[in-house]
Amino acid sequence: MKKLVIMVAIALAVSVGSISAASAYTTTNPTYSTNDYNRNHGGPHVDLLGSDGHTVTLAFVNPNNYSVCFEYRTDGDTSQKIAATNFNSAITDGLYPFLCLSTAGTQVKTFTVAHYVEARSVFGAERDWDFTWTTFSVRRGGDCQDSARSFSRCDGHGDGHGDRHS
């Protein structure tokens, strides 16, 4: 009987620890992946296709067979918010214009901007790939094509957060 009580206590402690770990994800760090990590490991991501003058062209990519959504805004303009509440309740800065891909595929969108476009993915069918605002800057005086898909020449800001997967 004593062994049974100890085993139940251990199982309960493990269960509470698992619940706490899941809660920590949603309350302390709801965007624990990065756009770069996702691109390199088969997750939803955004690719910069080109930039010149006052336009930035992005490819929103879903390599998986489930729904994923991407929000976007231009030049840091928070007045572009379309709702005070995001579909992901852990996100506290509201909901921005978005597009969703219901299955594997790519959607290309060109933005007219003064300086940059930001994109993030924080809602859809899967939470493991969520990433925060990632900046894609306009470059003047020539195209910013990046066939190597390394954003070093085109994206001056990166993902802005560490990579939880490393």
N, C-alpha and C. Protein backbone atom coordinates (compact mmCIF):
# COMPACT_ATOMS: atom_id res chain seq x y z
N MET A 1 0.82 -1.19 0.00
CA MET A 1 0.00 0.00 0.00
C MET A 1 0.87 1.26 0.00
N LYS A 2 1.96 1.24 0.76
CA LYS A 2 2.85 2.39 0.83
C LYS A 2 3.45 2.69 -0.55
N LYS A 3 3.82 1.62 -1.30
CA LYS A 3 4.37 1.81 -2.64
C LYS A 3 3.32 2.44 -3.56
N LEU A 4 2.07 2.03 -3.43
CA LEU A 4 1.00 2.57 -4.24
C LEU A 4 0.81 4.07 -3.96
N VAL A 5 0.85 4.45 -2.71
CA VAL A 5 0.71 5.85 -2.34
C VAL A 5 1.87 6.67 -2.92
N ILE A 6 3.08 6.14 -2.83
CA ILE A 6 4.25 6.84 -3.38
C ILE A 6 4.12 6.97 -4.89
N MET A 7 3.69 5.91 -5.57
CA MET A 7 3.54 5.95 -7.02
C MET A 7 2.47 6.97 -7.44
N VAL A 8 1.36 7.03 -6.69
CA VAL A 8 0.31 8.00 -6.99
C VAL A 8 0.84 9.42 -6.77
N ALA A 9 1.60 9.63 -5.70
CA ALA A 9 2.17 10.95 -5.42
C ALA A 9 3.12 11.37 -6.54
N ILE A 10 3.94 10.45 -7.02
CA ILE A 10 4.86 10.76 -8.11
C ILE A 10 4.08 11.08 -9.39
N ALA A 11 3.08 10.29 -9.69
CA ALA A 11 2.27 10.53 -10.89
C ALA A 11 1.58 11.89 -10.82
N LEU A 12 1.08 12.24 -9.65
CA LEU A 12 0.42 13.54 -9.47
C LEU A 12 1.44 14.67 -9.64
N ALA A 13 2.62 14.52 -9.09
CA ALA A 13 3.65 15.55 -9.23
C ALA A 13 4.04 15.74 -10.70
N VAL A 14 4.18 14.64 -11.44
CA VAL A 14 4.52 14.73 -12.86
C VAL A 14 3.39 15.42 -13.62
N SER A 15 2.15 15.07 -13.31
CA SER A 15 1.00 15.70 -13.98
C SER A 15 0.95 17.19 -13.72
N VAL A 16 1.13 17.61 -12.50
CA VAL A 16 1.11 19.02 -12.15
C VAL A 16 2.27 19.74 -12.84
N GLY A 17 3.43 19.11 -12.90
CA GLY A 17 4.57 19.70 -13.59
C GLY A 17 4.30 19.89 -15.07
N SER A 18 3.64 18.92 -15.69
CA SER A 18 3.30 19.03 -17.11
C SER A 18 2.31 20.16 -17.35
N ILE A 19 1.33 20.27 -16.47
CA ILE A 19 0.35 21.35 -16.60
C ILE A 19 1.04 22.70 -16.41
N SER A 20 1.94 22.78 -15.45
CA SER A 20 2.66 24.04 -15.23
C SER A 20 3.51 24.41 -16.43
N ALA A 21 4.16 23.43 -17.05
CA ALA A 21 4.99 23.72 -18.22
C ALA A 21 4.12 24.24 -19.37
N ALA A 22 2.95 23.64 -19.57
CA ALA A 22 2.06 24.11 -20.63
C ALA A 22 1.56 25.51 -20.31
N SER A 23 1.25 25.77 -19.06
CA SER A 23 0.79 27.11 -18.67
C SER A 23 1.89 28.14 -18.87
N ALA A 24 3.13 27.76 -18.59
CA ALA A 24 4.24 28.69 -18.77
C ALA A 24 4.35 29.11 -20.22
N TYR A 25 4.10 28.18 -21.14
CA TYR A 25 4.15 28.53 -22.56
C TYR A 25 3.12 29.60 -22.89
N THR A 26 1.90 29.43 -22.44
CA THR A 26 0.85 30.35 -22.86
C THR A 26 0.89 31.68 -22.13
N THR A 27 1.50 31.73 -20.97
CA THR A 27 1.46 32.98 -20.22
C THR A 27 2.76 33.75 -20.23
N THR A 28 3.89 33.08 -20.39
CA THR A 28 5.15 33.81 -20.30
C THR A 28 5.87 33.96 -21.63
N ASN A 29 5.63 33.09 -22.57
CA ASN A 29 6.34 33.17 -23.84
C ASN A 29 5.51 32.53 -24.94
N PRO A 30 4.47 33.20 -25.41
CA PRO A 30 3.59 32.59 -26.40
C PRO A 30 4.20 32.46 -27.79
N THR A 31 5.32 33.08 -28.05
CA THR A 31 5.98 32.96 -29.37
C THR A 31 7.36 32.39 -29.15
N TYR A 32 7.42 31.09 -28.97
CA TYR A 32 8.70 30.51 -28.59
C TYR A 32 9.47 29.87 -29.73
N SER A 33 9.05 30.07 -30.95
CA SER A 33 9.85 29.66 -32.09
C SER A 33 10.28 30.93 -32.82
N THR A 34 10.95 30.78 -33.96
CA THR A 34 11.33 31.94 -34.77
C THR A 34 11.04 31.63 -36.23
N ASN A 35 10.90 32.66 -37.03
CA ASN A 35 10.69 32.49 -38.46
C ASN A 35 11.84 31.70 -39.07
N ASP A 36 13.08 32.04 -38.72
CA ASP A 36 14.25 31.33 -39.27
C ASP A 36 14.26 29.86 -38.87
N TYR A 37 13.97 29.56 -37.60
CA TYR A 37 13.93 28.16 -37.17
C TYR A 37 12.88 27.40 -37.97
N ASN A 38 11.70 27.99 -38.08
CA ASN A 38 10.62 27.31 -38.80
C ASN A 38 11.02 27.01 -40.24
N ARG A 39 11.62 27.99 -40.92
CA ARG A 39 12.04 27.80 -42.31
C ARG A 39 13.01 26.63 -42.43
N ASN A 40 13.93 26.54 -41.50
CA ASN A 40 14.97 25.52 -41.57
C ASN A 40 14.53 24.15 -41.07
N HIS A 41 13.34 24.07 -40.44
CA HIS A 41 12.90 22.81 -39.84
C HIS A 41 11.50 22.40 -40.27
N GLY A 42 11.02 22.91 -41.39
CA GLY A 42 9.75 22.44 -41.94
C GLY A 42 8.51 23.04 -41.33
N GLY A 43 8.63 24.22 -40.73
CA GLY A 43 7.47 24.86 -40.13
C GLY A 43 6.97 26.03 -40.97
N PRO A 44 5.82 26.57 -40.62
CA PRO A 44 5.28 27.73 -41.32
C PRO A 44 6.23 28.92 -41.16
N HIS A 45 6.40 29.68 -42.24
CA HIS A 45 7.35 30.79 -42.20
C HIS A 45 7.03 31.79 -43.29
N VAL A 46 7.75 32.91 -43.26
CA VAL A 46 7.61 33.96 -44.26
C VAL A 46 8.95 34.15 -44.95
N ASP A 47 8.92 34.19 -46.28
CA ASP A 47 10.14 34.42 -47.07
C ASP A 47 10.06 35.78 -47.74
N LEU A 48 11.15 36.49 -47.75
CA LEU A 48 11.25 37.74 -48.50
C LEU A 48 11.58 37.39 -49.94
N LEU A 49 10.69 37.77 -50.86
CA LEU A 49 10.93 37.50 -52.27
C LEU A 49 11.65 38.65 -52.95
N GLY A 50 11.39 39.87 -52.47
CA GLY A 50 12.06 41.01 -53.07
C GLY A 50 11.63 42.31 -52.42
N SER A 51 12.46 43.34 -52.66
CA SER A 51 12.19 44.65 -52.11
C SER A 51 12.87 45.68 -52.98
N ASP A 52 12.12 46.71 -53.36
CA ASP A 52 12.74 47.81 -54.09
C ASP A 52 11.87 49.05 -53.91
N GLY A 53 12.48 50.19 -53.91
CA GLY A 53 11.72 51.43 -53.76
C GLY A 53 10.89 51.47 -52.51
N HIS A 54 9.58 51.31 -52.67
CA HIS A 54 8.66 51.35 -51.53
C HIS A 54 7.80 50.09 -51.46
N THR A 55 8.31 48.96 -51.96
CA THR A 55 7.53 47.73 -51.88
C THR A 55 8.37 46.62 -51.26
N VAL A 56 7.66 45.73 -50.59
CA VAL A 56 8.25 44.51 -50.05
C VAL A 56 7.31 43.38 -50.47
N THR A 57 7.87 42.34 -51.09
CA THR A 57 7.07 41.19 -51.50
C THR A 57 7.44 39.99 -50.63
N LEU A 58 6.43 39.43 -49.97
CA LEU A 58 6.63 38.31 -49.06
C LEU A 58 5.87 37.08 -49.54
N ALA A 59 6.43 35.92 -49.26
CA ALA A 59 5.74 34.64 -49.48
C ALA A 59 5.42 34.07 -48.11
N PHE A 60 4.14 33.84 -47.86
CA PHE A 60 3.68 33.22 -46.62
C PHE A 60 3.57 31.73 -46.92
N VAL A 61 4.36 30.92 -46.20
CA VAL A 61 4.54 29.51 -46.56
C VAL A 61 4.02 28.60 -45.45
N ASN A 62 3.16 27.66 -45.84
CA ASN A 62 2.71 26.62 -44.93
C ASN A 62 3.09 25.28 -45.56
N PRO A 63 4.15 24.61 -45.05
CA PRO A 63 4.57 23.34 -45.63
C PRO A 63 3.79 22.14 -45.08
N ASN A 64 2.82 22.39 -44.22
CA ASN A 64 2.12 21.30 -43.53
C ASN A 64 0.65 21.23 -43.94
N ASN A 65 0.01 20.11 -43.65
CA ASN A 65 -1.39 19.91 -44.01
C ASN A 65 -2.34 20.24 -42.87
N TYR A 66 -2.16 21.42 -42.29
CA TYR A 66 -3.10 21.95 -41.31
C TYR A 66 -3.09 23.46 -41.44
N SER A 67 -4.08 24.08 -40.87
CA SER A 67 -4.26 25.53 -41.01
C SER A 67 -3.23 26.32 -40.21
N VAL A 68 -2.69 27.36 -40.85
CA VAL A 68 -1.78 28.29 -40.18
C VAL A 68 -2.14 29.70 -40.64
N CYS A 69 -2.02 30.66 -39.73
CA CYS A 69 -2.36 32.04 -40.05
C CYS A 69 -1.18 32.95 -39.77
N PHE A 70 -1.06 33.99 -40.57
CA PHE A 70 0.01 34.98 -40.44
C PHE A 70 -0.62 36.36 -40.34
N GLU A 71 -0.19 37.14 -39.35
CA GLU A 71 -0.60 38.54 -39.24
C GLU A 71 0.49 39.39 -39.86
N TYR A 72 0.13 40.60 -40.27
CA TYR A 72 1.12 41.51 -40.84
C TYR A 72 0.72 42.95 -40.54
N ARG A 73 1.71 43.81 -40.53
CA ARG A 73 1.50 45.25 -40.40
C ARG A 73 2.68 45.95 -41.07
N THR A 74 2.48 47.21 -41.46
CA THR A 74 3.53 47.95 -42.16
C THR A 74 4.04 49.10 -41.31
N ASP A 75 5.34 49.29 -41.37
CA ASP A 75 6.01 50.43 -40.73
C ASP A 75 5.69 50.58 -39.25
N GLY A 76 5.43 49.46 -38.57
CA GLY A 76 5.17 49.49 -37.13
C GLY A 76 3.88 50.19 -36.75
N ASP A 77 2.98 50.37 -37.69
CA ASP A 77 1.76 51.13 -37.48
C ASP A 77 0.74 50.31 -36.69
N THR A 78 0.66 50.56 -35.39
CA THR A 78 -0.26 49.81 -34.54
C THR A 78 -1.72 50.21 -34.75
N SER A 79 -1.97 51.30 -35.48
CA SER A 79 -3.35 51.66 -35.78
C SER A 79 -3.95 50.72 -36.82
N GLN A 80 -3.15 49.85 -37.41
CA GLN A 80 -3.66 48.86 -38.35
C GLN A 80 -4.35 47.69 -37.65
N LYS A 81 -4.31 47.68 -36.32
CA LYS A 81 -4.96 46.64 -35.53
C LYS A 81 -6.43 46.56 -35.93
N ILE A 82 -6.95 45.36 -36.15
CA ILE A 82 -8.34 45.19 -36.56
C ILE A 82 -9.25 44.75 -35.42
N ALA A 83 -8.66 44.32 -34.29
CA ALA A 83 -9.44 43.94 -33.11
C ALA A 83 -8.55 44.05 -31.88
N ALA A 84 -9.16 44.34 -30.75
CA ALA A 84 -8.40 44.48 -29.51
C ALA A 84 -7.94 43.12 -28.98
N THR A 85 -8.64 42.05 -29.36
CA THR A 85 -8.35 40.71 -28.86
C THR A 85 -7.87 39.82 -29.99
N ASN A 86 -6.75 39.15 -29.77
CA ASN A 86 -6.21 38.21 -30.73
C ASN A 86 -6.90 36.85 -30.53
N PHE A 87 -6.94 36.03 -31.59
CA PHE A 87 -7.49 34.68 -31.46
C PHE A 87 -6.69 33.85 -30.48
N ASN A 88 -5.41 34.15 -30.31
CA ASN A 88 -4.55 33.51 -29.32
C ASN A 88 -4.61 34.39 -28.07
N SER A 89 -5.25 33.91 -27.03
CA SER A 89 -5.47 34.72 -25.82
C SER A 89 -4.18 35.10 -25.10
N ALA A 90 -3.06 34.44 -25.42
CA ALA A 90 -1.79 34.79 -24.80
C ALA A 90 -1.16 36.03 -25.45
N ILE A 91 -1.67 36.44 -26.59
CA ILE A 91 -1.16 37.61 -27.29
C ILE A 91 -1.95 38.82 -26.83
N THR A 92 -1.26 39.82 -26.31
CA THR A 92 -1.95 40.94 -25.66
C THR A 92 -1.98 42.23 -26.47
N ASP A 93 -1.36 42.25 -27.66
CA ASP A 93 -1.33 43.50 -28.42
C ASP A 93 -2.39 43.57 -29.52
N GLY A 94 -3.37 42.69 -29.47
CA GLY A 94 -4.48 42.75 -30.42
C GLY A 94 -4.29 41.86 -31.63
N LEU A 95 -5.21 42.05 -32.58
CA LEU A 95 -5.24 41.28 -33.81
C LEU A 95 -5.00 42.22 -34.98
N TYR A 96 -4.11 41.83 -35.87
CA TYR A 96 -3.76 42.63 -37.04
C TYR A 96 -4.27 41.94 -38.30
N PRO A 97 -4.27 42.63 -39.44
CA PRO A 97 -4.69 41.97 -40.67
C PRO A 97 -3.94 40.65 -40.81
N PHE A 98 -4.64 39.65 -41.34
CA PHE A 98 -4.03 38.33 -41.43
C PHE A 98 -4.50 37.59 -42.66
N LEU A 99 -3.75 36.55 -42.99
CA LEU A 99 -4.16 35.60 -44.01
C LEU A 99 -3.91 34.21 -43.45
N CYS A 100 -4.73 33.27 -43.89
CA CYS A 100 -4.61 31.89 -43.42
C CYS A 100 -4.46 30.96 -44.62
N LEU A 101 -3.64 29.95 -44.44
CA LEU A 101 -3.48 28.88 -45.42
C LEU A 101 -4.01 27.61 -44.76
N SER A 102 -5.08 27.05 -45.29
CA SER A 102 -5.76 25.93 -44.64
C SER A 102 -5.05 24.60 -44.83
N THR A 103 -4.10 24.56 -45.74
CA THR A 103 -3.32 23.35 -45.97
C THR A 103 -1.97 23.77 -46.57
N ALA A 104 -1.15 22.82 -46.91
CA ALA A 104 0.17 23.15 -47.45
C ALA A 104 0.03 24.05 -48.68
N GLY A 105 0.83 25.11 -48.71
CA GLY A 105 0.79 26.03 -49.84
C GLY A 105 1.51 27.32 -49.52
N THR A 106 1.48 28.23 -50.49
CA THR A 106 2.16 29.52 -50.38
C THR A 106 1.25 30.61 -50.92
N GLN A 107 1.22 31.73 -50.24
CA GLN A 107 0.52 32.90 -50.75
C GLN A 107 1.49 34.06 -50.79
N VAL A 108 1.56 34.75 -51.93
CA VAL A 108 2.47 35.88 -52.12
C VAL A 108 1.68 37.17 -51.99
N LYS A 109 2.26 38.13 -51.28
CA LYS A 109 1.60 39.42 -51.08
C LYS A 109 2.66 40.52 -51.16
N THR A 110 2.35 41.58 -51.91
CA THR A 110 3.24 42.73 -52.02
C THR A 110 2.66 43.89 -51.23
N PHE A 111 3.50 44.52 -50.43
CA PHE A 111 3.11 45.64 -49.57
C PHE A 111 3.79 46.92 -50.04
N THR A 112 3.06 48.02 -50.02
CA THR A 112 3.66 49.33 -50.26
C THR A 112 3.96 49.93 -48.89
N VAL A 113 5.21 50.29 -48.66
CA VAL A 113 5.65 50.72 -47.34
C VAL A 113 6.62 51.89 -47.45
N ALA A 114 6.83 52.56 -46.32
CA ALA A 114 7.89 53.56 -46.24
C ALA A 114 9.22 52.90 -45.87
N HIS A 115 9.15 51.93 -44.94
CA HIS A 115 10.40 51.34 -44.44
C HIS A 115 10.39 49.81 -44.33
N TYR A 116 9.30 49.21 -43.80
CA TYR A 116 9.34 47.77 -43.55
C TYR A 116 7.95 47.18 -43.37
N VAL A 117 7.92 45.85 -43.44
CA VAL A 117 6.74 45.04 -43.14
C VAL A 117 7.12 44.12 -41.99
N GLU A 118 6.18 43.90 -41.08
CA GLU A 118 6.38 42.91 -40.02
C GLU A 118 5.35 41.81 -40.20
N ALA A 119 5.75 40.58 -39.92
CA ALA A 119 4.84 39.44 -40.00
C ALA A 119 5.08 38.55 -38.79
N ARG A 120 4.01 37.91 -38.34
CA ARG A 120 4.13 36.94 -37.25
C ARG A 120 3.08 35.85 -37.46
N SER A 121 3.27 34.75 -36.77
CA SER A 121 2.30 33.66 -36.77
C SER A 121 2.06 33.25 -35.33
N VAL A 122 0.84 33.50 -34.85
CA VAL A 122 0.53 33.20 -33.45
C VAL A 122 -0.80 32.48 -33.28
N PHE A 123 -1.50 32.19 -34.38
CA PHE A 123 -2.71 31.38 -34.25
C PHE A 123 -2.90 30.52 -35.50
N GLY A 124 -3.66 29.48 -35.34
CA GLY A 124 -3.86 28.46 -36.36
C GLY A 124 -4.00 27.13 -35.63
N ALA A 125 -3.74 26.05 -36.31
CA ALA A 125 -3.98 24.73 -35.73
C ALA A 125 -2.87 24.25 -34.78
N GLU A 126 -1.69 24.82 -34.83
CA GLU A 126 -0.54 24.30 -34.08
C GLU A 126 0.20 25.43 -33.37
N ARG A 127 0.52 25.26 -32.10
CA ARG A 127 1.21 26.29 -31.31
C ARG A 127 2.73 26.15 -31.33
N ASP A 128 3.28 25.00 -31.67
CA ASP A 128 4.73 24.79 -31.59
C ASP A 128 5.53 25.67 -32.53
N TRP A 129 4.90 26.21 -33.57
CA TRP A 129 5.61 26.99 -34.57
C TRP A 129 5.39 28.50 -34.43
N ASP A 130 4.69 28.95 -33.42
CA ASP A 130 4.41 30.38 -33.25
C ASP A 130 5.69 31.20 -33.21
N PHE A 131 5.70 32.33 -33.93
CA PHE A 131 6.85 33.23 -33.87
C PHE A 131 6.36 34.67 -33.83
N THR A 132 7.16 35.52 -33.19
CA THR A 132 6.81 36.92 -32.98
C THR A 132 7.06 37.75 -34.23
N TRP A 133 6.78 39.05 -34.12
CA TRP A 133 6.97 39.96 -35.25
C TRP A 133 8.39 39.83 -35.80
N THR A 134 8.47 39.62 -37.10
CA THR A 134 9.72 39.53 -37.83
C THR A 134 9.71 40.64 -38.87
N THR A 135 10.77 41.41 -38.98
CA THR A 135 10.83 42.59 -39.82
C THR A 135 11.50 42.29 -41.16
N PHE A 136 10.87 42.78 -42.23
CA PHE A 136 11.40 42.66 -43.59
C PHE A 136 11.50 44.08 -44.14
N SER A 137 12.72 44.56 -44.29
CA SER A 137 12.96 45.97 -44.63
C SER A 137 12.99 46.20 -46.13
N VAL A 138 12.53 47.40 -46.53
CA VAL A 138 12.64 47.84 -47.91
C VAL A 138 14.08 48.29 -48.14
N ARG A 139 14.58 48.04 -49.33
CA ARG A 139 15.91 48.50 -49.70
C ARG A 139 15.77 49.39 -50.91
N ARG A 140 16.36 50.53 -50.85
CA ARG A 140 16.29 51.46 -51.97
C ARG A 140 17.54 51.33 -52.84
N GLY A 141 17.42 51.70 -54.09
CA GLY A 141 18.57 51.67 -54.98
C GLY A 141 18.87 50.29 -55.51
N GLY A 142 17.89 49.44 -55.58
CA GLY A 142 18.11 48.12 -56.17
C GLY A 142 17.26 47.07 -55.52
N ASP A 143 17.19 45.96 -56.16
CA ASP A 143 16.37 44.86 -55.69
C ASP A 143 17.05 44.16 -54.51
N CYS A 144 16.25 43.56 -53.69
CA CYS A 144 16.77 42.85 -52.52
C CYS A 144 16.42 41.38 -52.63
N GLN A 145 16.56 40.81 -53.80
CA GLN A 145 16.31 39.39 -53.96
C GLN A 145 17.32 38.62 -53.11
N ASP A 146 16.89 37.53 -52.57
CA ASP A 146 17.78 36.75 -51.73
C ASP A 146 17.56 35.28 -52.02
N SER A 147 18.18 34.79 -53.04
CA SER A 147 17.96 33.42 -53.46
C SER A 147 18.45 32.41 -52.44
N ALA A 148 19.38 32.80 -51.59
CA ALA A 148 19.89 31.88 -50.57
C ALA A 148 18.93 31.76 -49.40
N ARG A 149 17.90 32.61 -49.36
CA ARG A 149 16.90 32.62 -48.31
C ARG A 149 17.51 32.91 -46.95
N SER A 150 18.67 33.53 -46.95
CA SER A 150 19.27 34.03 -45.74
C SER A 150 18.99 35.51 -45.70
N PHE A 151 18.30 35.96 -44.70
CA PHE A 151 17.79 37.32 -44.70
C PHE A 151 18.83 38.35 -44.31
N SER A 152 20.08 37.98 -44.28
CA SER A 152 21.11 38.91 -43.81
C SER A 152 21.19 40.17 -44.66
N ARG A 153 20.99 40.08 -45.97
CA ARG A 153 21.07 41.27 -46.81
C ARG A 153 19.76 42.03 -46.85
N CYS A 154 18.65 41.37 -46.64
CA CYS A 154 17.35 41.97 -46.86
C CYS A 154 16.60 42.28 -45.58
N ASP A 155 16.87 41.57 -44.55
CA ASP A 155 16.13 41.71 -43.32
C ASP A 155 17.09 42.17 -42.23
N GLY A 156 17.06 43.45 -41.91
CA GLY A 156 18.01 43.99 -40.96
C GLY A 156 17.72 43.70 -39.52
N HIS A 157 16.54 43.17 -39.22
CA HIS A 157 16.18 43.02 -37.81
C HIS A 157 16.07 41.57 -37.34
N GLY A 158 15.99 40.61 -38.22
CA GLY A 158 15.87 39.22 -37.80
C GLY A 158 14.56 38.98 -37.07
N ASP A 159 14.52 37.90 -36.30
CA ASP A 159 13.30 37.54 -35.58
C ASP A 159 13.12 38.32 -34.29
N GLY A 160 14.16 38.93 -33.79
CA GLY A 160 14.03 39.74 -32.59
C GLY A 160 14.04 38.96 -31.29
N HIS A 161 14.00 37.64 -31.34
CA HIS A 161 13.99 36.84 -30.12
C HIS A 161 14.90 35.65 -30.31
N GLY A 162 15.30 35.06 -29.21
CA GLY A 162 16.16 33.89 -29.26
C GLY A 162 15.46 32.70 -29.84
N ASP A 163 16.19 31.67 -30.11
CA ASP A 163 15.67 30.47 -30.73
C ASP A 163 15.52 29.40 -29.66
N ARG A 164 14.31 29.08 -29.31
CA ARG A 164 14.05 28.12 -28.23
C ARG A 164 14.48 26.72 -28.61
N HIS A 165 14.62 26.45 -29.89
CA HIS A 165 14.90 25.09 -30.35
C HIS A 165 16.39 24.75 -30.35
N SER A 166 17.26 25.73 -30.15
CA SER A 166 18.69 25.43 -30.28
C SER A 166 19.22 24.68 -29.09
